[in-house]
C-alpha atoms as a PDB file:
ATOM      1  CA  UNK A   1     138.776  69.112 173.067  1.00  0.00           C
ATOM      2  CA  UNK A   2     140.034  65.721 174.316  1.00  0.00           C
ATOM      3  CA  UNK A   3     137.843  63.916 176.812  1.00  0.00           C
ATOM      4  CA  UNK A   4     139.751  61.914 179.482  1.00  0.00           C
ATOM      5  CA  UNK A   5     138.182  58.405 179.748  1.00  0.00           C
ATOM      6  CA  UNK A   6     138.369  56.300 182.936  1.00  0.00           C
ATOM      7  CA  UNK A   7     136.849  52.874 182.115  1.00  0.00           C
ATOM      8  CA  UNK A   8     136.410  50.063 184.598  1.00  0.00           C
ATOM      9  CA  UNK A   9     134.972  47.817 181.953  1.00  0.00           C
ATOM     10  CA  UNK A  10     134.576  47.887 178.038  1.00  0.00           C
ATOM     11  CA  UNK A  11     132.023  50.565 176.958  1.00  0.00           C
ATOM     12  CA  UNK A  12     130.137  47.764 175.178  1.00  0.00           C
ATOM     13  CA  UNK A  13     129.243  46.200 178.436  1.00  0.00           C
ATOM     14  CA  UNK A  14     127.528  49.312 179.757  1.00  0.00           C
ATOM     15  CA  UNK A  15     123.926  48.599 180.413  1.00  0.00           C
ATOM     16  CA  UNK A  16     120.637  50.002 181.914  1.00  0.00           C
ATOM     17  CA  UNK A  17     120.976  50.879 185.472  1.00  0.00           C
ATOM     18  CA  UNK A  18     124.814  51.471 185.430  1.00  0.00           C
ATOM     19  CA  UNK A  19     126.253  54.702 186.726  1.00  0.00           C
ATOM     20  CA  UNK A  20     128.413  57.087 184.571  1.00  0.00           C
ATOM     21  CA  UNK A  21     130.160  59.890 186.068  1.00  0.00           C
ATOM     22  CA  UNK A  22     130.442  62.871 183.708  1.00  0.00           C
ATOM     23  CA  UNK A  23     132.921  65.547 185.291  1.00  0.00           C
ATOM     24  CA  UNK A  24     131.311  65.811 188.746  1.00  0.00           C
ATOM     25  CA  UNK A  25     127.817  64.700 187.871  1.00  0.00           C
ATOM     26  CA  UNK A  26     126.581  61.050 188.460  1.00  0.00           C
ATOM     27  CA  UNK A  27     124.088  59.869 185.938  1.00  0.00           C
ATOM     28  CA  UNK A  28     122.095  56.686 185.374  1.00  0.00           C
ATOM     29  CA  UNK A  29     122.140  54.610 182.114  1.00  0.00           C
ATOM     30  CA  UNK A  30     118.624  54.409 180.600  1.00  0.00           C
ATOM     31  CA  UNK A  31     119.523  52.707 177.370  1.00  0.00           C
ATOM     32  CA  UNK A  32     122.538  51.655 175.062  1.00  0.00           C
ATOM     33  CA  UNK A  33     121.926  51.262 171.503  1.00  0.00           C
ATOM     34  CA  UNK A  34     123.127  51.651 167.904  1.00  0.00           C
ATOM     35  CA  UNK A  35     122.251  55.167 166.747  1.00  0.00           C
ATOM     36  CA  UNK A  36     123.134  54.935 163.195  1.00  0.00           C
ATOM     37  CA  UNK A  37     125.269  52.722 160.948  1.00  0.00           C
ATOM     38  CA  UNK A  38     127.942  54.309 158.699  1.00  0.00           C
ATOM     39  CA  UNK A  39     130.323  53.168 156.238  1.00  0.00           C
ATOM     40  CA  UNK A  40     134.078  54.142 156.539  1.00  0.00           C
ATOM     41  CA  UNK A  41     136.330  55.195 153.583  1.00  0.00           C
ATOM     42  CA  UNK A  42     137.017  51.555 152.999  1.00  0.00           C
ATOM     43  CA  UNK A  43     133.253  50.588 152.862  1.00  0.00           C
ATOM     44  CA  UNK A  44     133.313  48.770 156.257  1.00  0.00           C
ATOM     45  CA  UNK A  45     130.188  49.235 158.485  1.00  0.00           C
ATOM     46  CA  UNK A  46     130.916  51.293 161.541  1.00  0.00           C
ATOM     47  CA  UNK A  47     128.358  51.781 164.125  1.00  0.00           C
ATOM     48  CA  UNK A  48     127.694  55.134 165.918  1.00  0.00           C
ATOM     49  CA  UNK A  49     126.549  54.198 169.282  1.00  0.00           C
ATOM     50  CA  UNK A  50     124.386  56.146 171.887  1.00  0.00           C
ATOM     51  CA  UNK A  51     124.085  55.872 175.628  1.00  0.00           C
ATOM     52  CA  UNK A  52     121.106  57.623 177.088  1.00  0.00           C
ATOM     53  CA  UNK A  53     121.604  58.790 180.632  1.00  0.00           C
ATOM     54  CA  UNK A  54     119.714  60.806 183.119  1.00  0.00           C
ATOM     55  CA  UNK A  55     120.101  62.848 186.365  1.00  0.00           C
ATOM     56  CA  UNK A  56     117.029  61.943 188.417  1.00  0.00           C
ATOM     57  CA  UNK A  57     117.606  64.545 190.975  1.00  0.00           C
ATOM     58  CA  UNK A  58     117.499  67.465 188.339  1.00  0.00           C
ATOM     59  CA  UNK A  59     115.115  65.650 185.807  1.00  0.00           C
ATOM     60  CA  UNK A  60     117.571  66.171 183.154  1.00  0.00           C
ATOM     61  CA  UNK A  61     118.416  63.826 180.144  1.00  0.00           C
ATOM     62  CA  UNK A  62     121.694  63.359 178.262  1.00  0.00           C
ATOM     63  CA  UNK A  63     123.150  61.326 175.544  1.00  0.00           C
ATOM     64  CA  UNK A  64     126.710  60.111 175.106  1.00  0.00           C
ATOM     65  CA  UNK A  65     127.742  59.177 171.453  1.00  0.00           C
ATOM     66  CA  UNK A  66     130.654  57.381 170.177  1.00  0.00           C
ATOM     67  CA  UNK A  67     131.975  55.185 167.377  1.00  0.00           C
ATOM     68  CA  UNK A  68     132.673  51.638 168.319  1.00  0.00           C
ATOM     69  CA  UNK A  69     136.014  51.573 166.584  1.00  0.00           C
ATOM     70  CA  UNK A  70     137.255  55.083 167.646  1.00  0.00           C
ATOM     71  CA  UNK A  71     136.168  55.703 171.340  1.00  0.00           C
ATOM     72  CA  UNK A  72     138.949  57.842 172.433  1.00  0.00           C
ATOM     73  CA  UNK A  73     138.807  60.399 169.540  1.00  0.00           C
ATOM     74  CA  UNK A  74     135.075  60.484 169.020  1.00  0.00           C
ATOM     75  CA  UNK A  75     133.087  60.395 172.287  1.00  0.00           C
ATOM     76  CA  UNK A  76     130.657  63.238 172.572  1.00  0.00           C
ATOM     77  CA  UNK A  77     128.200  64.413 175.265  1.00  0.00           C
ATOM     78  CA  UNK A  78     124.816  65.956 174.585  1.00  0.00           C
ATOM     79  CA  UNK A  79     121.995  67.573 176.711  1.00  0.00           C
ATOM     80  CA  UNK A  80     118.381  67.010 175.694  1.00  0.00           C
ATOM     81  CA  UNK A  81     116.686  70.353 175.008  1.00  0.00           C
ATOM     82  CA  UNK A  82     112.982  70.881 174.458  1.00  0.00           C
ATOM     83  CA  UNK A  83     112.023  67.254 174.544  1.00  0.00           C
ATOM     84  CA  UNK A  84     113.629  66.180 171.138  1.00  0.00           C
ATOM     85  CA  UNK A  85     116.784  68.213 170.221  1.00  0.00           C
ATOM     86  CA  UNK A  86     120.262  67.238 171.721  1.00  0.00           C
ATOM     87  CA  UNK A  87     122.737  70.097 172.159  1.00  0.00           C
ATOM     88  CA  UNK A  88     126.504  69.308 172.452  1.00  0.00           C
ATOM     89  CA  UNK A  89     128.238  70.019 175.980  1.00  0.00           C
ATOM     90  CA  UNK A  90     131.870  70.229 176.528  1.00  0.00           C
ATOM     91  CA  UNK A  91     133.172  67.877 179.179  1.00  0.00           C
ATOM     92  CA  UNK A  92     136.570  67.147 180.497  1.00  0.00           C
ATOM     93  CA  UNK A  93     136.246  63.674 181.964  1.00  0.00           C
ATOM     94  CA  UNK A  94     133.862  60.561 181.810  1.00  0.00           C
ATOM     95  CA  UNK A  95     134.033  57.469 183.929  1.00  0.00           C
ATOM     96  CA  UNK A  96     132.227  54.289 184.423  1.00  0.00           C
END
């Protein structure tokens, strides 16, 4: 499933306190960091990034994950379950 991305600035510039709209829900950014470093098929380092966001009204936490060099094809959304486990959630649109 492809996620429609509407960006007002490069994703790398998203910081704590920014707002991100996922489908119809507005979430606040808590952190933006390198989740894991990978090597691609050519041995080049590729960072998997994570943006932690939350819904203060519903006390729910989420994570947006993407690869720096392949945002359009690999952006994923996860919901925090049970305090430490992230479960994938299908979304249609994300904007910032």
